[in-house]
Amino acid sequence: MEKQLEYFDVLANAQNQVLNNLTEVQAQLRTQWIDVVGKSYAAITSIPGVPENAYTKEALTQFNNWFSSVANASKTATEEAMKTQDSLIAAYEKQVAINRAGLKNAVDLVNPILAKAKLA
């Protein structure tokens, strides 16, 4: 019956690892996205031969405003997603502990019955 507990532990640990990996991927994705947009911004602002006039300055101002808004929204959304993910992982870990204790109690209850049945 100890195999059930081992199986439970392997399954629970694998699921916990998946949740932790998802958290890391979310953070990396945001960082990479901001980096790519920043590089695009640098490429746009360094195009040679673009005349500096009211139109290009206005376009650059609009892009700056858009980029700042999107970057801030992305940062806020990512931070909230990370908090939610951390809460879910903590709740999952508590539930796993409760379920493991219940399974262990069931195993402890069944072991004597099975031992008696084997002797009979």
PDB file of N, CA and C in Angstrom:
ATOM      1  N   MET A   1       0.809  -1.203   0.000  1.00  0.00           N
ATOM      2  CA  MET A   1       0.000   0.000   0.000  1.00  0.00           C
ATOM      3  C   MET A   1       0.852   1.268   0.000  1.00  0.00           C
ATOM      4  N   GLU A   2       2.112   1.149   0.338  1.00  0.00           N
ATOM      5  CA  GLU A   2       2.991   2.318   0.336  1.00  0.00           C
ATOM      6  C   GLU A   2       3.197   2.854  -1.081  1.00  0.00           C
ATOM      7  N   LYS A   3       2.985   1.995  -2.062  1.00  0.00           N
ATOM      8  CA  LYS A   3       3.136   2.426  -3.462  1.00  0.00           C
ATOM      9  C   LYS A   3       2.133   3.526  -3.801  1.00  0.00           C
ATOM     10  N   GLN A   4       0.947   3.470  -3.192  1.00  0.00           N
ATOM     11  CA  GLN A   4      -0.057   4.507  -3.445  1.00  0.00           C
ATOM     12  C   GLN A   4       0.458   5.869  -2.993  1.00  0.00           C
ATOM     13  N   LEU A   5       1.103   5.905  -1.835  1.00  0.00           N
ATOM     14  CA  LEU A   5       1.666   7.166  -1.348  1.00  0.00           C
ATOM     15  C   LEU A   5       2.803   7.649  -2.241  1.00  0.00           C
ATOM     16  N   GLU A   6       3.634   6.726  -2.701  1.00  0.00           N
ATOM     17  CA  GLU A   6       4.722   7.101  -3.607  1.00  0.00           C
ATOM     18  C   GLU A   6       4.162   7.651  -4.914  1.00  0.00           C
ATOM     19  N   TYR A   7       3.150   6.979  -5.446  1.00  0.00           N
ATOM     20  CA  TYR A   7       2.518   7.435  -6.680  1.00  0.00           C
ATOM     21  C   TYR A   7       1.904   8.815  -6.487  1.00  0.00           C
ATOM     22  N   PHE A   8       1.228   8.989  -5.365  1.00  0.00           N
ATOM     23  CA  PHE A   8       0.617  10.286  -5.052  1.00  0.00           C
ATOM     24  C   PHE A   8       1.675  11.380  -4.997  1.00  0.00           C
ATOM     25  N   ASP A   9       2.793  11.095  -4.322  1.00  0.00           N
ATOM     26  CA  ASP A   9       3.865  12.090  -4.197  1.00  0.00           C
ATOM     27  C   ASP A   9       4.462  12.448  -5.552  1.00  0.00           C
ATOM     28  N   VAL A  10       4.682  11.455  -6.390  1.00  0.00           N
ATOM     29  CA  VAL A  10       5.243  11.721  -7.724  1.00  0.00           C
ATOM     30  C   VAL A  10       4.287  12.583  -8.529  1.00  0.00           C
ATOM     31  N   LEU A  11       3.016  12.234  -8.513  1.00  0.00           N
ATOM     32  CA  LEU A  11       2.014  12.994  -9.263  1.00  0.00           C
ATOM     33  C   LEU A  11       1.896  14.423  -8.741  1.00  0.00           C
ATOM     34  N   ALA A  12       1.821  14.576  -7.429  1.00  0.00           N
ATOM     35  CA  ALA A  12       1.689  15.911  -6.826  1.00  0.00           C
ATOM     36  C   ALA A  12       2.923  16.764  -7.107  1.00  0.00           C
ATOM     37  N   ASN A  13       4.109  16.177  -7.015  1.00  0.00           N
ATOM     38  CA  ASN A  13       5.340  16.931  -7.278  1.00  0.00           C
ATOM     39  C   ASN A  13       5.435  17.346  -8.745  1.00  0.00           C
ATOM     40  N   ALA A  14       5.003  16.468  -9.642  1.00  0.00           N
ATOM     41  CA  ALA A  14       5.024  16.816 -11.072  1.00  0.00           C
ATOM     42  C   ALA A  14       4.079  17.970 -11.355  1.00  0.00           C
ATOM     43  N   GLN A  15       2.895  17.928 -10.776  1.00  0.00           N
ATOM     44  CA  GLN A  15       1.940  19.018 -10.975  1.00  0.00           C
ATOM     45  C   GLN A  15       2.457  20.320 -10.364  1.00  0.00           C
ATOM     46  N   ASN A  16       3.072  20.235  -9.217  1.00  0.00           N
ATOM     47  CA  ASN A  16       3.635  21.426  -8.579  1.00  0.00           C
ATOM     48  C   ASN A  16       4.747  22.019  -9.439  1.00  0.00           C
ATOM     49  N   GLN A  17       5.563  21.165 -10.027  1.00  0.00           N
ATOM     50  CA  GLN A  17       6.640  21.637 -10.899  1.00  0.00           C
ATOM     51  C   GLN A  17       6.066  22.337 -12.133  1.00  0.00           C
ATOM     52  N   VAL A  18       4.987  21.805 -12.685  1.00  0.00           N
ATOM     53  CA  VAL A  18       4.340  22.451 -13.833  1.00  0.00           C
ATOM     54  C   VAL A  18       3.845  23.847 -13.449  1.00  0.00           C
ATOM     55  N   LEU A  19       3.213  23.958 -12.297  1.00  0.00           N
ATOM     56  CA  LEU A  19       2.731  25.268 -11.851  1.00  0.00           C
ATOM     57  C   LEU A  19       3.880  26.249 -11.666  1.00  0.00           C
ATOM     58  N   ASN A  20       4.965  25.806 -11.076  1.00  0.00           N
ATOM     59  CA  ASN A  20       6.127  26.682 -10.886  1.00  0.00           C
ATOM     60  C   ASN A  20       6.744  27.077 -12.220  1.00  0.00           C
ATOM     61  N   ASN A  21       6.806  26.144 -13.158  1.00  0.00           N
ATOM     62  CA  ASN A  21       7.347  26.452 -14.486  1.00  0.00           C
ATOM     63  C   ASN A  21       6.476  27.474 -15.206  1.00  0.00           C
ATOM     64  N   LEU A  22       5.169  27.357 -15.070  1.00  0.00           N
ATOM     65  CA  LEU A  22       4.270  28.333 -15.702  1.00  0.00           C
ATOM     66  C   LEU A  22       4.499  29.735 -15.137  1.00  0.00           C
ATOM     67  N   THR A  23       4.739  29.809 -13.848  1.00  0.00           N
ATOM     68  CA  THR A  23       5.013  31.102 -13.224  1.00  0.00           C
ATOM     69  C   THR A  23       6.287  31.718 -13.800  1.00  0.00           C
ATOM     70  N   GLU A  24       7.325  30.906 -13.922  1.00  0.00           N
ATOM     71  CA  GLU A  24       8.588  31.399 -14.474  1.00  0.00           C
ATOM     72  C   GLU A  24       8.426  31.833 -15.928  1.00  0.00           C
ATOM     73  N   VAL A  25       7.687  31.060 -16.707  1.00  0.00           N
ATOM     74  CA  VAL A  25       7.488  31.381 -18.123  1.00  0.00           C
ATOM     75  C   VAL A  25       6.731  32.694 -18.273  1.00  0.00           C
ATOM     76  N   GLN A  26       5.737  32.930 -17.439  1.00  0.00           N
ATOM     77  CA  GLN A  26       4.987  34.181 -17.504  1.00  0.00           C
ATOM     78  C   GLN A  26       5.912  35.376 -17.279  1.00  0.00           C
ATOM     79  N   ALA A  27       6.765  35.280 -16.299  1.00  0.00           N
ATOM     80  CA  ALA A  27       7.686  36.383 -16.004  1.00  0.00           C
ATOM     81  C   ALA A  27       8.679  36.579 -17.148  1.00  0.00           C
ATOM     82  N   GLN A  28       9.202  35.487 -17.692  1.00  0.00           N
ATOM     83  CA  GLN A  28      10.163  35.585 -18.797  1.00  0.00           C
ATOM     84  C   GLN A  28       9.508  36.140 -20.052  1.00  0.00           C
ATOM     85  N   LEU A  29       8.284  35.730 -20.314  1.00  0.00           N
ATOM     86  CA  LEU A  29       7.577  36.217 -21.501  1.00  0.00           C
ATOM     87  C   LEU A  29       7.395  37.728 -21.448  1.00  0.00           C
ATOM     88  N   ARG A  30       6.991  38.228 -20.306  1.00  0.00           N
ATOM     89  CA  ARG A  30       6.816  39.677 -20.163  1.00  0.00           C
ATOM     90  C   ARG A  30       8.134  40.401 -20.386  1.00  0.00           C
ATOM     91  N   THR A  31       9.188  39.898 -19.770  1.00  0.00           N
ATOM     92  CA  THR A  31      10.495  40.530 -19.910  1.00  0.00           C
ATOM     93  C   THR A  31      10.952  40.537 -21.368  1.00  0.00           C
ATOM     94  N   GLN A  32      10.790  39.412 -22.035  1.00  0.00           N
ATOM     95  CA  GLN A  32      11.204  39.321 -23.436  1.00  0.00           C
ATOM     96  C   GLN A  32      10.358  40.215 -24.329  1.00  0.00           C
ATOM     97  N   TRP A  33       9.061  40.304 -24.047  1.00  0.00           N
ATOM     98  CA  TRP A  33       8.181  41.140 -24.863  1.00  0.00           C
ATOM     99  C   TRP A  33       8.583  42.606 -24.731  1.00  0.00           C
ATOM    100  N   ILE A  34       8.809  43.055 -23.505  1.00  0.00           N
ATOM    101  CA  ILE A  34       9.228  44.444 -23.282  1.00  0.00           C
ATOM    102  C   ILE A  34      10.566  44.692 -23.971  1.00  0.00           C
ATOM    103  N   ASP A  35      11.473  43.750 -23.915  1.00  0.00           N
ATOM    104  CA  ASP A  35      12.778  43.881 -24.560  1.00  0.00           C
ATOM    105  C   ASP A  35      12.631  44.018 -26.078  1.00  0.00           C
ATOM    106  N   VAL A  36      11.776  43.207 -26.677  1.00  0.00           N
ATOM    107  CA  VAL A  36      11.570  43.261 -28.133  1.00  0.00           C
ATOM    108  C   VAL A  36      10.958  44.605 -28.539  1.00  0.00           C
ATOM    109  N   VAL A  37       9.989  45.064 -27.790  1.00  0.00           N
ATOM    110  CA  VAL A  37       9.379  46.350 -28.119  1.00  0.00           C
ATOM    111  C   VAL A  37      10.393  47.471 -27.928  1.00  0.00           C
ATOM    112  N   GLY A  38      11.219  47.365 -26.911  1.00  0.00           N
ATOM    113  CA  GLY A  38      12.269  48.368 -26.688  1.00  0.00           C
ATOM    114  C   GLY A  38      13.270  48.389 -27.831  1.00  0.00           C
ATOM    115  N   LYS A  39      13.634  47.213 -28.329  1.00  0.00           N
ATOM    116  CA  LYS A  39      14.549  47.155 -29.473  1.00  0.00           C
ATOM    117  C   LYS A  39      13.889  47.722 -30.730  1.00  0.00           C
ATOM    118  N   SER A  40      12.592  47.465 -30.893  1.00  0.00           N
ATOM    119  CA  SER A  40      11.863  48.054 -32.025  1.00  0.00           C
ATOM    120  C   SER A  40      11.863  49.577 -31.912  1.00  0.00           C
ATOM    121  N   TYR A  41      11.657  50.043 -30.702  1.00  0.00           N
ATOM    122  CA  TYR A  41      11.676  51.487 -30.457  1.00  0.00           C
ATOM    123  C   TYR A  41      13.038  52.074 -30.831  1.00  0.00           C
ATOM    124  N   ALA A  42      14.104  51.406 -30.387  1.00  0.00           N
ATOM    125  CA  ALA A  42      15.451  51.889 -30.702  1.00  0.00           C
ATOM    126  C   ALA A  42      15.691  51.880 -32.205  1.00  0.00           C
ATOM    127  N   ALA A  43      15.192  50.857 -32.891  1.00  0.00           N
ATOM    128  CA  ALA A  43      15.370  50.788 -34.344  1.00  0.00           C
ATOM    129  C   ALA A  43      14.604  51.899 -35.041  1.00  0.00           C
ATOM    130  N   ILE A  44      13.392  52.160 -34.580  1.00  0.00           N
ATOM    131  CA  ILE A  44      12.583  53.219 -35.202  1.00  0.00           C
ATOM    132  C   ILE A  44      13.220  54.587 -34.996  1.00  0.00           C
ATOM    133  N   THR A  45      13.710  54.820 -33.802  1.00  0.00           N
ATOM    134  CA  THR A  45      14.266  56.146 -33.499  1.00  0.00           C
ATOM    135  C   THR A  45      15.645  56.358 -34.109  1.00  0.00           C
ATOM    136  N   SER A  46      16.257  55.302 -34.597  1.00  0.00           N
ATOM    137  CA  SER A  46      17.596  55.478 -35.172  1.00  0.00           C
ATOM    138  C   SER A  46      17.620  55.285 -36.692  1.00  0.00           C
ATOM    139  N   ILE A  47      16.462  55.341 -37.325  1.00  0.00           N
ATOM    140  CA  ILE A  47      16.427  55.209 -38.786  1.00  0.00           C
ATOM    141  C   ILE A  47      17.140  56.412 -39.396  1.00  0.00           C
ATOM    142  N   PRO A  48      18.156  56.157 -40.201  1.00  0.00           N
ATOM    143  CA  PRO A  48      18.888  57.289 -40.803  1.00  0.00           C
ATOM    144  C   PRO A  48      18.053  57.953 -41.901  1.00  0.00           C
ATOM    145  N   GLY A  49      18.198  59.220 -42.004  1.00  0.00           N
ATOM    146  CA  GLY A  49      17.544  59.963 -43.075  1.00  0.00           C
ATOM    147  C   GLY A  49      16.114  60.366 -42.789  1.00  0.00           C
ATOM    148  N   VAL A  50      15.586  60.041 -41.607  1.00  0.00           N
ATOM    149  CA  VAL A  50      14.229  60.475 -41.279  1.00  0.00           C
ATOM    150  C   VAL A  50      14.294  61.945 -40.888  1.00  0.00           C
ATOM    151  N   PRO A  51      13.566  62.757 -41.602  1.00  0.00           N
ATOM    152  CA  PRO A  51      13.633  64.192 -41.297  1.00  0.00           C
ATOM    153  C   PRO A  51      13.018  64.499 -39.933  1.00  0.00           C
ATOM    154  N   GLU A  52      13.643  65.425 -39.247  1.00  0.00           N
ATOM    155  CA  GLU A  52      13.078  65.845 -37.970  1.00  0.00           C
ATOM    156  C   GLU A  52      12.168  67.026 -38.229  1.00  0.00           C
ATOM    157  N   ASN A  53      10.885  66.725 -38.155  1.00  0.00           N
ATOM    158  CA  ASN A  53       9.898  67.780 -38.322  1.00  0.00           C
ATOM    159  C   ASN A  53       8.743  67.519 -37.364  1.00  0.00           C
ATOM    160  N   ALA A  54       7.731  68.332 -37.454  1.00  0.00           N
ATOM    161  CA  ALA A  54       6.609  68.216 -36.519  1.00  0.00           C
ATOM    162  C   ALA A  54       5.921  66.850 -36.630  1.00  0.00           C
ATOM    163  N   TYR A  55       5.843  66.310 -37.842  1.00  0.00           N
ATOM    164  CA  TYR A  55       5.171  65.023 -38.032  1.00  0.00           C
ATOM    165  C   TYR A  55       5.945  63.871 -37.390  1.00  0.00           C
ATOM    166  N   THR A  56       7.246  63.839 -37.618  1.00  0.00           N
ATOM    167  CA  THR A  56       8.039  62.750 -37.043  1.00  0.00           C
ATOM    168  C   THR A  56       8.122  62.883 -35.524  1.00  0.00           C
ATOM    169  N   LYS A  57       8.203  64.123 -35.028  1.00  0.00           N
ATOM    170  CA  LYS A  57       8.224  64.318 -33.577  1.00  0.00           C
ATOM    171  C   LYS A  57       6.895  63.871 -32.956  1.00  0.00           C
ATOM    172  N   GLU A  58       5.794  64.194 -33.635  1.00  0.00           N
ATOM    173  CA  GLU A  58       4.474  63.787 -33.140  1.00  0.00           C
ATOM    174  C   GLU A  58       4.341  62.260 -33.165  1.00  0.00           C
ATOM    175  N   ALA A  59       4.824  61.634 -34.238  1.00  0.00           N
ATOM    176  CA  ALA A  59       4.766  60.176 -34.331  1.00  0.00           C
ATOM    177  C   ALA A  59       5.596  59.541 -33.221  1.00  0.00           C
ATOM    178  N   LEU A  60       6.756  60.086 -32.960  1.00  0.00           N
ATOM    179  CA  LEU A  60       7.614  59.565 -31.905  1.00  0.00           C
ATOM    180  C   LEU A  60       6.972  59.767 -30.534  1.00  0.00           C
ATOM    181  N   THR A  61       6.347  60.901 -30.322  1.00  0.00           N
ATOM    182  CA  THR A  61       5.647  61.165 -29.065  1.00  0.00           C
ATOM    183  C   THR A  61       4.507  60.176 -28.870  1.00  0.00           C
ATOM    184  N   GLN A  62       3.752  59.923 -29.939  1.00  0.00           N
ATOM    185  CA  GLN A  62       2.650  58.958 -29.855  1.00  0.00           C
ATOM    186  C   GLN A  62       3.182  57.555 -29.535  1.00  0.00           C
ATOM    187  N   PHE A  63       4.274  57.190 -30.202  1.00  0.00           N
ATOM    188  CA  PHE A  63       4.860  55.872 -29.945  1.00  0.00           C
ATOM    189  C   PHE A  63       5.355  55.784 -28.507  1.00  0.00           C
ATOM    190  N   ASN A  64       6.000  56.846 -28.022  1.00  0.00           N
ATOM    191  CA  ASN A  64       6.473  56.864 -26.629  1.00  0.00           C
ATOM    192  C   ASN A  64       5.307  56.688 -25.655  1.00  0.00           C
ATOM    193  N   ASN A  65       4.226  57.403 -25.901  1.00  0.00           N
ATOM    194  CA  ASN A  65       3.050  57.304 -25.034  1.00  0.00           C
ATOM    195  C   ASN A  65       2.466  55.889 -25.072  1.00  0.00           C
ATOM    196  N   TRP A  66       2.361  55.346 -26.286  1.00  0.00           N
ATOM    197  CA  TRP A  66       1.822  53.990 -26.431  1.00  0.00           C
ATOM    198  C   TRP A  66       2.724  52.981 -25.725  1.00  0.00           C
ATOM    199  N   PHE A  67       4.013  53.082 -25.978  1.00  0.00           N
ATOM    200  CA  PHE A  67       4.955  52.131 -25.393  1.00  0.00           C
ATOM    201  C   PHE A  67       4.907  52.203 -23.868  1.00  0.00           C
ATOM    202  N   SER A  68       4.907  53.387 -23.318  1.00  0.00           N
ATOM    203  CA  SER A  68       4.853  53.531 -21.855  1.00  0.00           C
ATOM    204  C   SER A  68       3.572  52.938 -21.285  1.00  0.00           C
ATOM    205  N   SER A  69       2.455  53.220 -21.950  1.00  0.00           N
ATOM    206  CA  SER A  69       1.166  52.689 -21.472  1.00  0.00           C
ATOM    207  C   SER A  69       1.147  51.164 -21.515  1.00  0.00           C
ATOM    208  N   VAL A  70       1.592  50.613 -22.626  1.00  0.00           N
ATOM    209  CA  VAL A  70       1.585  49.158 -22.773  1.00  0.00           C
ATOM    210  C   VAL A  70       2.562  48.517 -21.796  1.00  0.00           C
ATOM    211  N   ALA A  71       3.727  49.087 -21.638  1.00  0.00           N
ATOM    212  CA  ALA A  71       4.718  48.530 -20.717  1.00  0.00           C
ATOM    213  C   ALA A  71       4.194  48.561 -19.286  1.00  0.00           C
ATOM    214  N   ASN A  72       3.583  49.660 -18.888  1.00  0.00           N
ATOM    215  CA  ASN A  72       3.037  49.759 -17.526  1.00  0.00           C
ATOM    216  C   ASN A  72       1.874  48.794 -17.323  1.00  0.00           C
ATOM    217  N   ALA A  73       0.996  48.704 -18.320  1.00  0.00           N
ATOM    218  CA  ALA A  73      -0.131  47.771 -18.217  1.00  0.00           C
ATOM    219  C   ALA A  73       0.367  46.332 -18.164  1.00  0.00           C
ATOM    220  N   SER A  74       1.369  46.044 -18.965  1.00  0.00           N
ATOM    221  CA  SER A  74       1.933  44.693 -18.968  1.00  0.00           C
ATOM    222  C   SER A  74       2.575  44.372 -17.629  1.00  0.00           C
ATOM    223  N   LYS A  75       3.291  45.327 -17.075  1.00  0.00           N
ATOM    224  CA  LYS A  75       3.942  45.112 -15.779  1.00  0.00           C
ATOM    225  C   LYS A  75       2.889  44.869 -14.700  1.00  0.00           C
ATOM    226  N   THR A  76       1.853  45.689 -14.682  1.00  0.00           N
ATOM    227  CA  THR A  76       0.795  45.539 -13.681  1.00  0.00           C
ATOM    228  C   THR A  76       0.079  44.205 -13.846  1.00  0.00           C
ATOM    229  N   ALA A  77      -0.265  43.866 -15.084  1.00  0.00           N
ATOM    230  CA  ALA A  77      -0.962  42.604 -15.330  1.00  0.00           C
ATOM    231  C   ALA A  77      -0.097  41.412 -14.937  1.00  0.00           C
ATOM    232  N   THR A  78       1.181  41.490 -15.247  1.00  0.00           N
ATOM    233  CA  THR A  78       2.086  40.391 -14.904  1.00  0.00           C
ATOM    234  C   THR A  78       2.225  40.257 -13.399  1.00  0.00           C
ATOM    235  N   GLU A  79       2.361  41.375 -12.712  1.00  0.00           N
ATOM    236  CA  GLU A  79       2.487  41.321 -11.250  1.00  0.00           C
ATOM    237  C   GLU A  79       1.240  40.701 -10.623  1.00  0.00           C
ATOM    238  N   GLU A  80       0.068  41.088 -11.117  1.00  0.00           N
ATOM    239  CA  GLU A  80      -1.177  40.528 -10.584  1.00  0.00           C
ATOM    240  C   GLU A  80      -1.305  39.050 -10.931  1.00  0.00           C
ATOM    241  N   ALA A  81      -0.901  38.690 -12.136  1.00  0.00           N
ATOM    242  CA  ALA A  81      -0.939  37.283 -12.540  1.00  0.00           C
ATOM    243  C   ALA A  81       0.006  36.464 -11.673  1.00  0.00           C
ATOM    244  N   MET A  82       1.165  37.030 -11.360  1.00  0.00           N
ATOM    245  CA  MET A  82       2.130  36.319 -10.520  1.00  0.00           C
ATOM    246  C   MET A  82       1.577  36.142  -9.102  1.00  0.00           C
ATOM    247  N   LYS A  83       0.921  37.158  -8.573  1.00  0.00           N
ATOM    248  CA  LYS A  83       0.315  37.038  -7.238  1.00  0.00           C
ATOM    249  C   LYS A  83      -0.761  35.953  -7.242  1.00  0.00           C
ATOM    250  N   THR A  84      -1.584  35.967  -8.281  1.00  0.00           N
ATOM    251  CA  THR A  84      -2.633  34.956  -8.388  1.00  0.00           C
ATOM    252  C   THR A  84      -2.028  33.568  -8.512  1.00  0.00           C
ATOM    253  N   GLN A  85      -1.008  33.460  -9.346  1.00  0.00           N
ATOM    254  CA  GLN A  85      -0.339  32.169  -9.536  1.00  0.00           C
ATOM    255  C   GLN A  85       0.267  31.685  -8.216  1.00  0.00           C
ATOM    256  N   ASP A  86       0.907  32.574  -7.479  1.00  0.00           N
ATOM    257  CA  ASP A  86       1.486  32.197  -6.187  1.00  0.00           C
ATOM    258  C   ASP A  86       0.402  31.735  -5.212  1.00  0.00           C
ATOM    259  N   SER A  87      -0.739  32.423  -5.222  1.00  0.00           N
ATOM    260  CA  SER A  87      -1.851  32.023  -4.353  1.00  0.00           C
ATOM    261  C   SER A  87      -2.381  30.648  -4.746  1.00  0.00           C
ATOM    262  N   LEU A  88      -2.489  30.416  -6.047  1.00  0.00           N
ATOM    263  CA  LEU A  88      -2.957  29.109  -6.515  1.00  0.00           C
ATOM    264  C   LEU A  88      -1.990  27.998  -6.136  1.00  0.00           C
ATOM    265  N   ILE A  89      -0.706  28.272  -6.257  1.00  0.00           N
ATOM    266  CA  ILE A  89       0.299  27.271  -5.891  1.00  0.00           C
ATOM    267  C   ILE A  89       0.229  26.980  -4.393  1.00  0.00           C
ATOM    268  N   ALA A  90       0.092  28.019  -3.580  1.00  0.00           N
ATOM    269  CA  ALA A  90      -0.008  27.819  -2.133  1.00  0.00           C
ATOM    270  C   ALA A  90      -1.260  27.012  -1.782  1.00  0.00           C
ATOM    271  N   ALA A  91      -2.380  27.337  -2.425  1.00  0.00           N
ATOM    272  CA  ALA A  91      -3.612  26.586  -2.179  1.00  0.00           C
ATOM    273  C   ALA A  91      -3.459  25.141  -2.639  1.00  0.00           C
ATOM    274  N   TYR A  92      -2.808  24.957  -3.783  1.00  0.00           N
ATOM    275  CA  TYR A  92      -2.571  23.607  -4.294  1.00  0.00           C
ATOM    276  C   TYR A  92      -1.721  22.800  -3.309  1.00  0.00           C
ATOM    277  N   GLU A  93      -0.658  23.417  -2.804  1.00  0.00           N
ATOM    278  CA  GLU A  93       0.217  22.714  -1.861  1.00  0.00           C
ATOM    279  C   GLU A  93      -0.525  22.328  -0.579  1.00  0.00           C
ATOM    280  N   LYS A  94      -1.408  23.216  -0.088  1.00  0.00           N
ATOM    281  CA  LYS A  94      -2.201  22.891   1.102  1.00  0.00           C
ATOM    282  C   LYS A  94      -3.148  21.736   0.811  1.00  0.00           C
ATOM    283  N   GLN A  95      -3.779  21.782  -0.375  1.00  0.00           N
ATOM    284  CA  GLN A  95      -4.711  20.716  -0.738  1.00  0.00           C
ATOM    285  C   GLN A  95      -3.991  19.385  -0.903  1.00  0.00           C
ATOM    286  N   VAL A  96      -2.797  19.425  -1.471  1.00  0.00           N
ATOM    287  CA  VAL A  96      -2.004  18.203  -1.616  1.00  0.00           C
ATOM    288  C   VAL A  96      -1.677  17.624  -0.247  1.00  0.00           C
ATOM    289  N   ALA A  97      -1.306  18.470   0.693  1.00  0.00           N
ATOM    290  CA  ALA A  97      -0.984  17.995   2.043  1.00  0.00           C
ATOM    291  C   ALA A  97      -2.211  17.345   2.690  1.00  0.00           C
ATOM    292  N   ILE A  98      -3.360  17.959   2.515  1.00  0.00           N
ATOM    293  CA  ILE A  98      -4.599  17.401   3.083  1.00  0.00           C
ATOM    294  C   ILE A  98      -4.929  16.063   2.416  1.00  0.00           C
ATOM    295  N   ASN A  99      -4.840  16.032   1.090  1.00  0.00           N
ATOM    296  CA  ASN A  99      -5.154  14.801   0.367  1.00  0.00           C
ATOM    297  C   ASN A  99      -4.171  13.681   0.708  1.00  0.00           C
ATOM    298  N   ARG A 100      -2.893  14.037   0.870  1.00  0.00           N
ATOM    299  CA  ARG A 100      -1.894  13.022   1.208  1.00  0.00           C
ATOM    300  C   ARG A 100      -2.172  12.455   2.594  1.00  0.00           C
ATOM    301  N   ALA A 101      -2.524  13.328   3.518  1.00  0.00           N
ATOM    302  CA  ALA A 101      -2.847  12.857   4.868  1.00  0.00           C
ATOM    303  C   ALA A 101      -4.064  11.929   4.829  1.00  0.00           C
ATOM    304  N   GLY A 102      -5.058  12.285   4.038  1.00  0.00           N
ATOM    305  CA  GLY A 102      -6.240  11.423   3.905  1.00  0.00           C
ATOM    306  C   GLY A 102      -5.892  10.083   3.283  1.00  0.00           C
ATOM    307  N   LEU A 103      -5.058  10.103   2.258  1.00  0.00           N
ATOM    308  CA  LEU A 103      -4.633   8.859   1.626  1.00  0.00           C
ATOM    309  C   LEU A 103      -3.826   8.004   2.604  1.00  0.00           C
ATOM    310  N   LYS A 104      -2.930   8.650   3.356  1.00  0.00           N
ATOM    311  CA  LYS A 104      -2.133   7.905   4.335  1.00  0.00           C
ATOM    312  C   LYS A 104      -3.039   7.273   5.383  1.00  0.00           C
ATOM    313  N   ASN A 105      -4.045   8.002   5.847  1.00  0.00           N
ATOM    314  CA  ASN A 105      -4.988   7.448   6.819  1.00  0.00           C
ATOM    315  C   ASN A 105      -5.744   6.256   6.228  1.00  0.00           C
ATOM    316  N   ALA A 106      -6.135   6.375   4.972  1.00  0.00           N
ATOM    317  CA  ALA A 106      -6.834   5.264   4.319  1.00  0.00           C
ATOM    318  C   ALA A 106      -5.916   4.055   4.187  1.00  0.00           C
ATOM    319  N   VAL A 107      -4.674   4.292   3.822  1.00  0.00           N
ATOM    320  CA  VAL A 107      -3.704   3.200   3.704  1.00  0.00           C
ATOM    321  C   VAL A 107      -3.487   2.548   5.062  1.00  0.00           C
ATOM    322  N   ASP A 108      -3.320   3.368   6.100  1.00  0.00           N
ATOM    323  CA  ASP A 108      -3.120   2.831   7.449  1.00  0.00           C
ATOM    324  C   ASP A 108      -4.342   2.031   7.918  1.00  0.00           C
ATOM    325  N   LEU A 109      -5.515   2.442   7.498  1.00  0.00           N
ATOM    326  CA  LEU A 109      -6.740   1.745   7.869  1.00  0.00           C
ATOM    327  C   LEU A 109      -6.870   0.418   7.127  1.00  0.00           C
ATOM    328  N   VAL A 110      -6.484   0.399   5.873  1.00  0.00           N
ATOM    329  CA  VAL A 110      -6.666  -0.781   5.032  1.00  0.00           C
ATOM    330  C   VAL A 110      -5.575  -1.824   5.260  1.00  0.00           C
ATOM    331  N   ASN A 111      -4.363  -1.394   5.587  1.00  0.00           N
ATOM    332  CA  ASN A 111      -3.252  -2.346   5.759  1.00  0.00           C
ATOM    333  C   ASN A 111      -3.569  -3.487   6.739  1.00  0.00           C
ATOM    334  N   PRO A 112      -4.089  -3.225   7.933  1.00  0.00           N
ATOM    335  CA  PRO A 112      -4.395  -4.331   8.842  1.00  0.00           C
ATOM    336  C   PRO A 112      -5.474  -5.269   8.278  1.00  0.00           C
ATOM    337  N   ILE A 113      -6.429  -4.714   7.585  1.00  0.00           N
ATOM    338  CA  ILE A 113      -7.500  -5.528   6.989  1.00  0.00           C
ATOM    339  C   ILE A 113      -6.914  -6.445   5.925  1.00  0.00           C
ATOM    340  N   LEU A 114      -6.033  -5.903   5.096  1.00  0.00           N
ATOM    341  CA  LEU A 114      -5.410  -6.713   4.062  1.00  0.00           C
ATOM    342  C   LEU A 114      -4.503  -7.786   4.663  1.00  0.00           C
ATOM    343  N   ALA A 115      -3.799  -7.430   5.719  1.00  0.00           N
ATOM    344  CA  ALA A 115      -2.929  -8.412   6.376  1.00  0.00           C
ATOM    345  C   ALA A 115      -3.754  -9.564   6.934  1.00  0.00           C
ATOM    346  N   LYS A 116      -4.906  -9.281   7.546  1.00  0.00           N
ATOM    347  CA  LYS A 116      -5.780 -10.320   8.067  1.00  0.00           C
ATOM    348  C   LYS A 116      -6.359 -11.164   6.935  1.00  0.00           C
ATOM    349  N   ALA A 117      -6.682 -10.508   5.834  1.00  0.00           N
ATOM    350  CA  ALA A 117      -7.263 -11.235   4.700  1.00  0.00           C
ATOM    351  C   ALA A 117      -6.226 -12.186   4.104  1.00  0.00           C
ATOM    352  N   LYS A 118      -4.979 -11.811   4.094  1.00  0.00           N
ATOM    353  CA  LYS A 118      -3.934 -12.690   3.561  1.00  0.00           C
ATOM    354  C   LYS A 118      -3.708 -13.899   4.460  1.00  0.00           C
ATOM    355  N   LEU A 119      -3.895 -13.707   5.768  1.00  0.00           N
ATOM    356  CA  LEU A 119      -3.704 -14.809   6.703  1.00  0.00           C
ATOM    357  C   LEU A 119      -4.860 -15.808   6.653  1.00  0.00           C
ATOM    358  N   ALA A 120      -6.012 -15.343   6.242  1.00  0.00           N
ATOM    359  CA  ALA A 120      -7.206 -16.208   6.250  1.00  0.00           C
ATOM    360  C   ALA A 120      -7.221 -17.186   5.120  1.00  0.00           C
TER     361      ALA A 120
END
